Amino acid sequence: MIRLGIFLLIATSAVAQAPTFPYKPFGVLADIMAGIMFPNSNTIFDVTKHAPKTAAEWTAVQTSAVLLAEAGNLLLMPGRKKETGGLVPVETADWKKHVQMLVDGAKGVYPAAKAKNPDAVFAACEPLYQACFTCHEMYRFCPTCPEAPPKPPAQKR
């Protein structure tokens, strides 16, 4: 009985001392996309057209893979807003699945870039592309989704 009491005392004090993370998002989802996702995915996808030639160019591809993988944390941060003012659905299973696909895709690119292997980077681009495409298909281009942008008015001729 004494052991149980000591265990409970230690367990509750450990829980009470668990750190809290006061981090709050600053930018909206569009800021993350424009500032991190697009430029870094373009750096990776460009390898399919023009293989890096220098160590610095290969380092840029490796760094882009790391930044995309780490951006998954930003995309899952509670309280992140969309440019429309609504909240990013960070708690939904679909959102988490798409973010995990992004992280996994980026992590697949990293060793190929570290090996300076353009063919392996090319192969690793497919899962990364699919992560982007399927997420955008569901959240960005979905005309029936509540967060879809309004259709532009028809032009008069």
N, C-alpha and C. Protein backbone atom coordinates (compact mmCIF):
# COMPACT_ATOMS: atom_id res chain seq x y z
N MET A 1 0.82 -1.19 0.00
CA MET A 1 0.00 0.00 0.00
C MET A 1 0.87 1.26 0.00
N ILE A 2 1.95 1.20 0.77
CA ILE A 2 2.85 2.35 0.83
C ILE A 2 3.48 2.59 -0.54
N ARG A 3 3.84 1.50 -1.22
CA ARG A 3 4.42 1.63 -2.56
C ARG A 3 3.45 2.31 -3.51
N LEU A 4 2.17 1.95 -3.43
CA LEU A 4 1.16 2.57 -4.30
C LEU A 4 1.06 4.05 -4.00
N GLY A 5 1.10 4.41 -2.73
CA GLY A 5 1.03 5.82 -2.35
C GLY A 5 2.22 6.60 -2.87
N ILE A 6 3.41 6.03 -2.75
CA ILE A 6 4.62 6.69 -3.26
C ILE A 6 4.53 6.83 -4.78
N PHE A 7 4.10 5.77 -5.44
CA PHE A 7 3.95 5.82 -6.90
C PHE A 7 2.99 6.93 -7.32
N LEU A 8 1.84 7.00 -6.67
CA LEU A 8 0.85 8.04 -7.00
C LEU A 8 1.39 9.44 -6.74
N LEU A 9 2.13 9.60 -5.66
CA LEU A 9 2.73 10.88 -5.33
C LEU A 9 3.72 11.31 -6.42
N ILE A 10 4.56 10.39 -6.83
CA ILE A 10 5.55 10.69 -7.88
C ILE A 10 4.85 10.96 -9.21
N ALA A 11 3.86 10.14 -9.53
CA ALA A 11 3.15 10.30 -10.81
C ALA A 11 2.43 11.64 -10.88
N THR A 12 1.76 12.04 -9.79
CA THR A 12 1.03 13.31 -9.83
C THR A 12 1.98 14.49 -9.85
N SER A 13 3.12 14.39 -9.17
CA SER A 13 4.06 15.51 -9.22
C SER A 13 4.70 15.62 -10.59
N ALA A 14 4.92 14.48 -11.26
CA ALA A 14 5.47 14.52 -12.62
C ALA A 14 4.48 15.14 -13.58
N VAL A 15 3.21 14.81 -13.43
CA VAL A 15 2.19 15.39 -14.30
C VAL A 15 2.06 16.88 -14.01
N ALA A 16 2.11 17.26 -12.76
CA ALA A 16 1.97 18.66 -12.39
C ALA A 16 3.12 19.49 -12.94
N GLN A 17 4.28 18.88 -13.12
CA GLN A 17 5.44 19.60 -13.61
C GLN A 17 5.62 19.51 -15.12
N ALA A 18 4.69 18.85 -15.81
CA ALA A 18 4.80 18.73 -17.26
C ALA A 18 4.81 20.12 -17.88
N PRO A 19 5.72 20.35 -18.79
CA PRO A 19 5.82 21.69 -19.38
C PRO A 19 4.59 21.99 -20.26
N THR A 20 4.22 23.23 -20.24
CA THR A 20 3.17 23.67 -21.15
C THR A 20 3.85 24.46 -22.27
N PHE A 21 3.26 24.42 -23.42
CA PHE A 21 3.85 25.10 -24.56
C PHE A 21 2.96 26.27 -24.94
N PRO A 22 3.40 27.47 -24.62
CA PRO A 22 2.56 28.63 -24.86
C PRO A 22 2.64 29.16 -26.30
N TYR A 23 3.19 28.36 -27.19
CA TYR A 23 3.35 28.81 -28.57
C TYR A 23 1.99 29.00 -29.22
N LYS A 24 1.85 30.10 -29.89
CA LYS A 24 0.62 30.38 -30.60
C LYS A 24 0.98 30.74 -32.04
N PRO A 25 0.16 30.31 -32.98
CA PRO A 25 0.46 30.65 -34.38
C PRO A 25 0.46 32.16 -34.59
N PHE A 26 1.30 32.60 -35.46
CA PHE A 26 1.34 34.01 -35.84
C PHE A 26 0.76 34.19 -37.23
N GLY A 27 1.30 33.46 -38.20
CA GLY A 27 0.84 33.59 -39.58
C GLY A 27 -0.37 32.71 -39.86
N VAL A 28 -1.06 33.03 -40.94
CA VAL A 28 -2.19 32.21 -41.38
C VAL A 28 -1.65 31.11 -42.31
N LEU A 29 -2.51 30.16 -42.64
CA LEU A 29 -2.12 29.03 -43.47
C LEU A 29 -1.48 29.49 -44.78
N ALA A 30 -2.04 30.52 -45.40
CA ALA A 30 -1.49 31.01 -46.67
C ALA A 30 -0.06 31.49 -46.51
N ASP A 31 0.30 32.04 -45.35
CA ASP A 31 1.67 32.47 -45.10
C ASP A 31 2.62 31.27 -45.08
N ILE A 32 2.18 30.19 -44.45
CA ILE A 32 3.00 28.98 -44.39
C ILE A 32 3.17 28.41 -45.81
N MET A 33 2.07 28.39 -46.56
CA MET A 33 2.13 27.86 -47.93
C MET A 33 3.06 28.70 -48.80
N ALA A 34 2.89 30.00 -48.78
CA ALA A 34 3.67 30.88 -49.66
C ALA A 34 5.13 30.99 -49.22
N GLY A 35 5.37 30.98 -47.92
CA GLY A 35 6.72 31.21 -47.43
C GLY A 35 7.56 29.97 -47.24
N ILE A 36 6.92 28.83 -46.99
CA ILE A 36 7.66 27.60 -46.72
C ILE A 36 7.35 26.52 -47.74
N MET A 37 6.07 26.22 -47.88
CA MET A 37 5.68 25.05 -48.69
C MET A 37 6.01 25.22 -50.17
N PHE A 38 5.54 26.28 -50.78
CA PHE A 38 5.75 26.45 -52.23
C PHE A 38 7.23 26.56 -52.60
N PRO A 39 8.00 27.46 -51.99
CA PRO A 39 9.40 27.57 -52.44
C PRO A 39 10.20 26.29 -52.20
N ASN A 40 9.95 25.60 -51.09
CA ASN A 40 10.73 24.40 -50.80
C ASN A 40 10.29 23.20 -51.62
N SER A 41 8.99 23.08 -51.87
CA SER A 41 8.55 21.99 -52.75
C SER A 41 9.04 22.25 -54.17
N ASN A 42 9.07 23.51 -54.60
CA ASN A 42 9.59 23.83 -55.93
C ASN A 42 11.07 23.48 -56.05
N THR A 43 11.84 23.74 -55.00
CA THR A 43 13.26 23.38 -55.02
C THR A 43 13.41 21.88 -55.24
N ILE A 44 12.58 21.10 -54.57
CA ILE A 44 12.66 19.64 -54.71
C ILE A 44 12.17 19.21 -56.09
N PHE A 45 11.00 19.70 -56.50
CA PHE A 45 10.44 19.29 -57.79
C PHE A 45 11.32 19.72 -58.97
N ASP A 46 12.07 20.81 -58.80
CA ASP A 46 12.95 21.27 -59.88
C ASP A 46 14.06 20.27 -60.19
N VAL A 47 14.39 19.41 -59.23
CA VAL A 47 15.42 18.39 -59.47
C VAL A 47 14.99 17.47 -60.61
N THR A 48 13.69 17.30 -60.81
CA THR A 48 13.20 16.44 -61.88
C THR A 48 13.48 17.03 -63.26
N LYS A 49 13.74 18.35 -63.30
CA LYS A 49 14.06 19.01 -64.58
C LYS A 49 15.55 19.31 -64.72
N HIS A 50 16.15 19.74 -63.61
CA HIS A 50 17.56 20.15 -63.63
C HIS A 50 18.24 19.61 -62.38
N ALA A 51 19.03 18.59 -62.53
CA ALA A 51 19.74 18.01 -61.38
C ALA A 51 20.74 19.01 -60.81
N PRO A 52 20.81 19.12 -59.49
CA PRO A 52 21.82 19.99 -58.89
C PRO A 52 23.22 19.56 -59.32
N LYS A 53 24.08 20.54 -59.46
CA LYS A 53 25.44 20.27 -59.90
C LYS A 53 26.48 20.51 -58.81
N THR A 54 26.16 21.36 -57.87
CA THR A 54 27.14 21.70 -56.83
C THR A 54 26.67 21.18 -55.47
N ALA A 55 27.62 21.12 -54.55
CA ALA A 55 27.29 20.70 -53.18
C ALA A 55 26.27 21.66 -52.56
N ALA A 56 26.39 22.94 -52.85
CA ALA A 56 25.45 23.92 -52.31
C ALA A 56 24.04 23.68 -52.85
N GLU A 57 23.93 23.32 -54.11
CA GLU A 57 22.60 23.05 -54.69
C GLU A 57 21.99 21.80 -54.06
N TRP A 58 22.79 20.77 -53.82
CA TRP A 58 22.28 19.58 -53.17
C TRP A 58 21.89 19.87 -51.72
N THR A 59 22.66 20.70 -51.05
CA THR A 59 22.33 21.09 -49.68
C THR A 59 21.00 21.82 -49.65
N ALA A 60 20.74 22.65 -50.66
CA ALA A 60 19.46 23.36 -50.73
C ALA A 60 18.29 22.37 -50.86
N VAL A 61 18.48 21.31 -51.61
CA VAL A 61 17.43 20.29 -51.76
C VAL A 61 17.23 19.56 -50.43
N GLN A 62 18.32 19.20 -49.77
CA GLN A 62 18.22 18.55 -48.45
C GLN A 62 17.50 19.45 -47.45
N THR A 63 17.89 20.71 -47.43
CA THR A 63 17.28 21.67 -46.51
C THR A 63 15.80 21.84 -46.80
N SER A 64 15.44 21.86 -48.07
CA SER A 64 14.03 21.98 -48.44
C SER A 64 13.23 20.79 -47.94
N ALA A 65 13.80 19.61 -48.01
CA ALA A 65 13.12 18.42 -47.50
C ALA A 65 12.92 18.52 -45.99
N VAL A 66 13.94 18.99 -45.28
CA VAL A 66 13.84 19.15 -43.83
C VAL A 66 12.77 20.19 -43.50
N LEU A 67 12.77 21.31 -44.21
CA LEU A 67 11.80 22.36 -43.93
C LEU A 67 10.37 21.90 -44.19
N LEU A 68 10.16 21.13 -45.25
CA LEU A 68 8.81 20.62 -45.52
C LEU A 68 8.38 19.64 -44.42
N ALA A 69 9.29 18.76 -44.01
CA ALA A 69 8.95 17.82 -42.94
C ALA A 69 8.65 18.56 -41.64
N GLU A 70 9.45 19.55 -41.31
CA GLU A 70 9.23 20.32 -40.08
C GLU A 70 7.98 21.20 -40.18
N ALA A 71 7.61 21.61 -41.38
CA ALA A 71 6.41 22.44 -41.55
C ALA A 71 5.16 21.68 -41.15
N GLY A 72 5.24 20.35 -41.17
CA GLY A 72 4.11 19.57 -40.68
C GLY A 72 3.72 19.96 -39.27
N ASN A 73 4.70 20.27 -38.44
CA ASN A 73 4.40 20.72 -37.08
C ASN A 73 3.62 22.03 -37.09
N LEU A 74 3.99 22.93 -37.98
CA LEU A 74 3.27 24.21 -38.08
C LEU A 74 1.85 24.01 -38.59
N LEU A 75 1.68 23.06 -39.50
CA LEU A 75 0.35 22.81 -40.06
C LEU A 75 -0.59 22.15 -39.04
N LEU A 76 -0.04 21.54 -38.01
CA LEU A 76 -0.85 20.90 -36.98
C LEU A 76 -1.00 21.74 -35.72
N MET A 77 -0.44 22.93 -35.73
CA MET A 77 -0.48 23.78 -34.54
C MET A 77 -1.91 24.26 -34.28
N PRO A 78 -2.44 23.96 -33.09
CA PRO A 78 -3.80 24.41 -32.78
C PRO A 78 -3.91 25.94 -32.84
N GLY A 79 -5.03 26.41 -33.33
CA GLY A 79 -5.27 27.85 -33.41
C GLY A 79 -4.83 28.48 -34.72
N ARG A 80 -4.19 27.71 -35.60
CA ARG A 80 -3.78 28.25 -36.91
C ARG A 80 -5.03 28.64 -37.69
N LYS A 81 -5.02 29.80 -38.27
CA LYS A 81 -6.18 30.26 -39.05
C LYS A 81 -5.89 30.20 -40.54
N LYS A 82 -6.97 30.10 -41.27
CA LYS A 82 -6.92 30.21 -42.73
C LYS A 82 -7.00 31.70 -43.07
N GLU A 83 -6.66 32.02 -44.30
CA GLU A 83 -6.71 33.42 -44.72
C GLU A 83 -8.14 33.96 -44.67
N THR A 84 -9.13 33.08 -44.69
CA THR A 84 -10.53 33.50 -44.61
C THR A 84 -10.97 33.78 -43.19
N GLY A 85 -10.11 33.48 -42.21
CA GLY A 85 -10.43 33.74 -40.81
C GLY A 85 -10.86 32.50 -40.05
N GLY A 86 -11.30 31.46 -40.74
CA GLY A 86 -11.67 30.22 -40.07
C GLY A 86 -10.44 29.47 -39.59
N LEU A 87 -10.67 28.52 -38.72
CA LEU A 87 -9.56 27.73 -38.19
C LEU A 87 -9.19 26.59 -39.14
N VAL A 88 -7.91 26.31 -39.23
CA VAL A 88 -7.43 25.14 -39.96
C VAL A 88 -7.91 23.91 -39.17
N PRO A 89 -8.44 22.90 -39.84
CA PRO A 89 -9.02 21.75 -39.12
C PRO A 89 -7.97 20.78 -38.60
N VAL A 90 -7.11 21.26 -37.71
CA VAL A 90 -5.95 20.48 -37.26
C VAL A 90 -6.33 19.22 -36.49
N GLU A 91 -7.53 19.14 -35.97
CA GLU A 91 -7.93 17.97 -35.18
C GLU A 91 -8.62 16.90 -36.00
N THR A 92 -8.89 17.17 -37.29
CA THR A 92 -9.61 16.16 -38.08
C THR A 92 -8.66 15.08 -38.57
N ALA A 93 -9.19 13.89 -38.71
CA ALA A 93 -8.38 12.76 -39.17
C ALA A 93 -7.85 13.00 -40.58
N ASP A 94 -8.67 13.59 -41.45
CA ASP A 94 -8.23 13.86 -42.83
C ASP A 94 -7.06 14.82 -42.86
N TRP A 95 -7.15 15.90 -42.10
CA TRP A 95 -6.06 16.89 -42.08
C TRP A 95 -4.77 16.24 -41.58
N LYS A 96 -4.89 15.50 -40.49
CA LYS A 96 -3.71 14.83 -39.93
C LYS A 96 -3.11 13.85 -40.94
N LYS A 97 -3.97 13.14 -41.66
CA LYS A 97 -3.50 12.18 -42.66
C LYS A 97 -2.72 12.90 -43.77
N HIS A 98 -3.26 14.01 -44.26
CA HIS A 98 -2.58 14.75 -45.32
C HIS A 98 -1.25 15.34 -44.85
N VAL A 99 -1.24 15.86 -43.64
CA VAL A 99 0.02 16.41 -43.10
C VAL A 99 1.04 15.29 -42.95
N GLN A 100 0.62 14.13 -42.48
CA GLN A 100 1.55 13.00 -42.32
C GLN A 100 2.09 12.56 -43.68
N MET A 101 1.25 12.58 -44.70
CA MET A 101 1.72 12.24 -46.06
C MET A 101 2.80 13.23 -46.50
N LEU A 102 2.60 14.52 -46.20
CA LEU A 102 3.61 15.54 -46.52
C LEU A 102 4.92 15.25 -45.80
N VAL A 103 4.83 15.01 -44.51
CA VAL A 103 6.03 14.76 -43.70
C VAL A 103 6.76 13.52 -44.21
N ASP A 104 6.01 12.46 -44.46
CA ASP A 104 6.63 11.22 -44.96
C ASP A 104 7.26 11.43 -46.33
N GLY A 105 6.56 12.18 -47.20
CA GLY A 105 7.11 12.45 -48.53
C GLY A 105 8.41 13.24 -48.45
N ALA A 106 8.43 14.25 -47.61
CA ALA A 106 9.64 15.07 -47.45
C ALA A 106 10.78 14.24 -46.86
N LYS A 107 10.44 13.39 -45.89
CA LYS A 107 11.47 12.54 -45.30
C LYS A 107 12.02 11.54 -46.31
N GLY A 108 11.22 11.18 -47.30
CA GLY A 108 11.70 10.29 -48.36
C GLY A 108 12.66 10.97 -49.31
N VAL A 109 12.48 12.28 -49.49
CA VAL A 109 13.36 13.04 -50.38
C VAL A 109 14.74 13.24 -49.74
N TYR A 110 14.77 13.43 -48.44
CA TYR A 110 16.01 13.80 -47.77
C TYR A 110 17.17 12.83 -48.04
N PRO A 111 17.02 11.52 -47.81
CA PRO A 111 18.18 10.64 -48.05
C PRO A 111 18.60 10.59 -49.53
N ALA A 112 17.64 10.76 -50.43
CA ALA A 112 17.98 10.78 -51.86
C ALA A 112 18.81 12.01 -52.19
N ALA A 113 18.44 13.14 -51.60
CA ALA A 113 19.21 14.38 -51.83
C ALA A 113 20.57 14.29 -51.14
N LYS A 114 20.60 13.70 -49.96
CA LYS A 114 21.88 13.55 -49.25
C LYS A 114 22.84 12.68 -50.05
N ALA A 115 22.29 11.68 -50.76
CA ALA A 115 23.11 10.81 -51.61
C ALA A 115 23.43 11.44 -52.95
N LYS A 116 22.89 12.64 -53.18
CA LYS A 116 23.10 13.37 -54.45
C LYS A 116 22.69 12.51 -55.64
N ASN A 117 21.53 11.88 -55.51
CA ASN A 117 21.03 10.96 -56.52
C ASN A 117 19.76 11.54 -57.15
N PRO A 118 19.89 12.17 -58.32
CA PRO A 118 18.71 12.79 -58.94
C PRO A 118 17.61 11.80 -59.28
N ASP A 119 17.97 10.57 -59.65
CA ASP A 119 16.94 9.56 -59.96
C ASP A 119 16.15 9.20 -58.70
N ALA A 120 16.84 9.07 -57.59
CA ALA A 120 16.15 8.76 -56.33
C ALA A 120 15.29 9.93 -55.87
N VAL A 121 15.75 11.17 -56.08
CA VAL A 121 14.93 12.34 -55.75
C VAL A 121 13.69 12.33 -56.63
N PHE A 122 13.88 12.05 -57.91
CA PHE A 122 12.75 11.99 -58.84
C PHE A 122 11.71 10.97 -58.34
N ALA A 123 12.14 9.80 -57.94
CA ALA A 123 11.23 8.77 -57.43
C ALA A 123 10.55 9.21 -56.14
N ALA A 124 11.31 9.90 -55.29
CA ALA A 124 10.75 10.36 -54.01
C ALA A 124 9.78 11.52 -54.19
N CYS A 125 9.81 12.17 -55.34
CA CYS A 125 8.89 13.29 -55.59
C CYS A 125 7.44 12.83 -55.71
N GLU A 126 7.22 11.61 -56.17
CA GLU A 126 5.84 11.15 -56.38
C GLU A 126 5.02 11.15 -55.09
N PRO A 127 5.50 10.54 -54.00
CA PRO A 127 4.71 10.61 -52.76
C PRO A 127 4.53 12.05 -52.25
N LEU A 128 5.55 12.87 -52.42
CA LEU A 128 5.43 14.27 -52.00
C LEU A 128 4.39 14.99 -52.85
N TYR A 129 4.42 14.78 -54.16
CA TYR A 129 3.43 15.38 -55.04
C TYR A 129 2.02 14.92 -54.67
N GLN A 130 1.86 13.62 -54.42
CA GLN A 130 0.55 13.09 -54.05
C GLN A 130 0.05 13.70 -52.74
N ALA A 131 0.94 13.93 -51.80
CA ALA A 131 0.55 14.58 -50.55
C ALA A 131 0.00 15.97 -50.82
N CYS A 132 0.69 16.73 -51.65
CA CYS A 132 0.23 18.08 -51.99
C CYS A 132 -1.09 18.03 -52.75
N PHE A 133 -1.13 17.18 -53.77
CA PHE A 133 -2.31 17.12 -54.64
C PHE A 133 -3.55 16.70 -53.87
N THR A 134 -3.45 15.63 -53.09
CA THR A 134 -4.65 15.14 -52.42
C THR A 134 -5.14 16.12 -51.35
N CYS A 135 -4.23 16.79 -50.68
CA CYS A 135 -4.64 17.79 -49.69
C CYS A 135 -5.30 18.97 -50.39
N HIS A 136 -4.69 19.46 -51.45
CA HIS A 136 -5.27 20.60 -52.17
C HIS A 136 -6.61 20.22 -52.79
N GLU A 137 -6.71 19.00 -53.28
CA GLU A 137 -7.97 18.55 -53.87
C GLU A 137 -9.09 18.59 -52.83
N MET A 138 -8.76 18.23 -51.62
CA MET A 138 -9.78 18.19 -50.58
C MET A 138 -10.04 19.56 -49.96
N TYR A 139 -8.98 20.33 -49.72
CA TYR A 139 -9.13 21.57 -48.95
C TYR A 139 -9.03 22.84 -49.76
N ARG A 140 -8.41 22.80 -50.91
CA ARG A 140 -8.21 24.04 -51.65
C ARG A 140 -9.10 24.14 -52.88
N PHE A 141 -9.24 23.05 -53.61
CA PHE A 141 -9.97 23.09 -54.86
C PHE A 141 -11.37 22.52 -54.77
N CYS A 142 -11.81 22.13 -53.61
CA CYS A 142 -13.11 21.49 -53.44
C CYS A 142 -14.21 22.54 -53.54
N PRO A 143 -14.97 22.57 -54.65
CA PRO A 143 -15.99 23.61 -54.82
C PRO A 143 -17.18 23.45 -53.89
N THR A 144 -17.38 22.26 -53.32
CA THR A 144 -18.52 22.05 -52.43
C THR A 144 -18.14 22.17 -50.96
N CYS A 145 -16.87 22.39 -50.68
CA CYS A 145 -16.44 22.51 -49.29
C CYS A 145 -16.87 23.86 -48.72
N PRO A 146 -17.21 23.89 -47.42
CA PRO A 146 -17.63 25.16 -46.82
C PRO A 146 -16.54 26.24 -46.88
N GLU A 147 -15.27 25.83 -46.91
CA GLU A 147 -14.20 26.83 -46.93
C GLU A 147 -13.75 27.20 -48.34
N ALA A 148 -14.48 26.71 -49.36
CA ALA A 148 -14.11 27.01 -50.74
C ALA A 148 -14.28 28.49 -51.01
N PRO A 149 -13.37 29.09 -51.77
CA PRO A 149 -13.51 30.51 -52.10
C PRO A 149 -14.75 30.72 -52.97
N PRO A 150 -15.35 31.89 -52.88
CA PRO A 150 -16.54 32.16 -53.71
C PRO A 150 -16.15 32.16 -55.19
N LYS A 151 -17.09 31.74 -56.01
CA LYS A 151 -16.84 31.74 -57.46
C LYS A 151 -16.88 33.18 -57.95
N PRO A 152 -15.99 33.54 -58.90
CA PRO A 152 -16.03 34.90 -59.43
C PRO A 152 -17.31 35.08 -60.23
N PRO A 153 -17.82 36.33 -60.27
CA PRO A 153 -19.05 36.57 -61.03
C PRO A 153 -18.80 36.35 -62.53
N ALA A 154 -19.82 35.91 -63.22
CA ALA A 154 -19.72 35.70 -64.66
C ALA A 154 -19.47 37.03 -65.35
N GLN A 155 -18.60 37.01 -66.33
CA GLN A 155 -18.28 38.25 -67.06
C GLN A 155 -19.32 38.51 -68.13
N LYS A 156 -19.73 39.77 -68.23
CA LYS A 156 -20.68 40.14 -69.28
C LYS A 156 -19.92 40.39 -70.56
N ARG A 157 -20.55 40.02 -71.66
CA ARG A 157 -19.89 40.23 -72.96
C ARG A 157 -20.49 41.38 -73.68
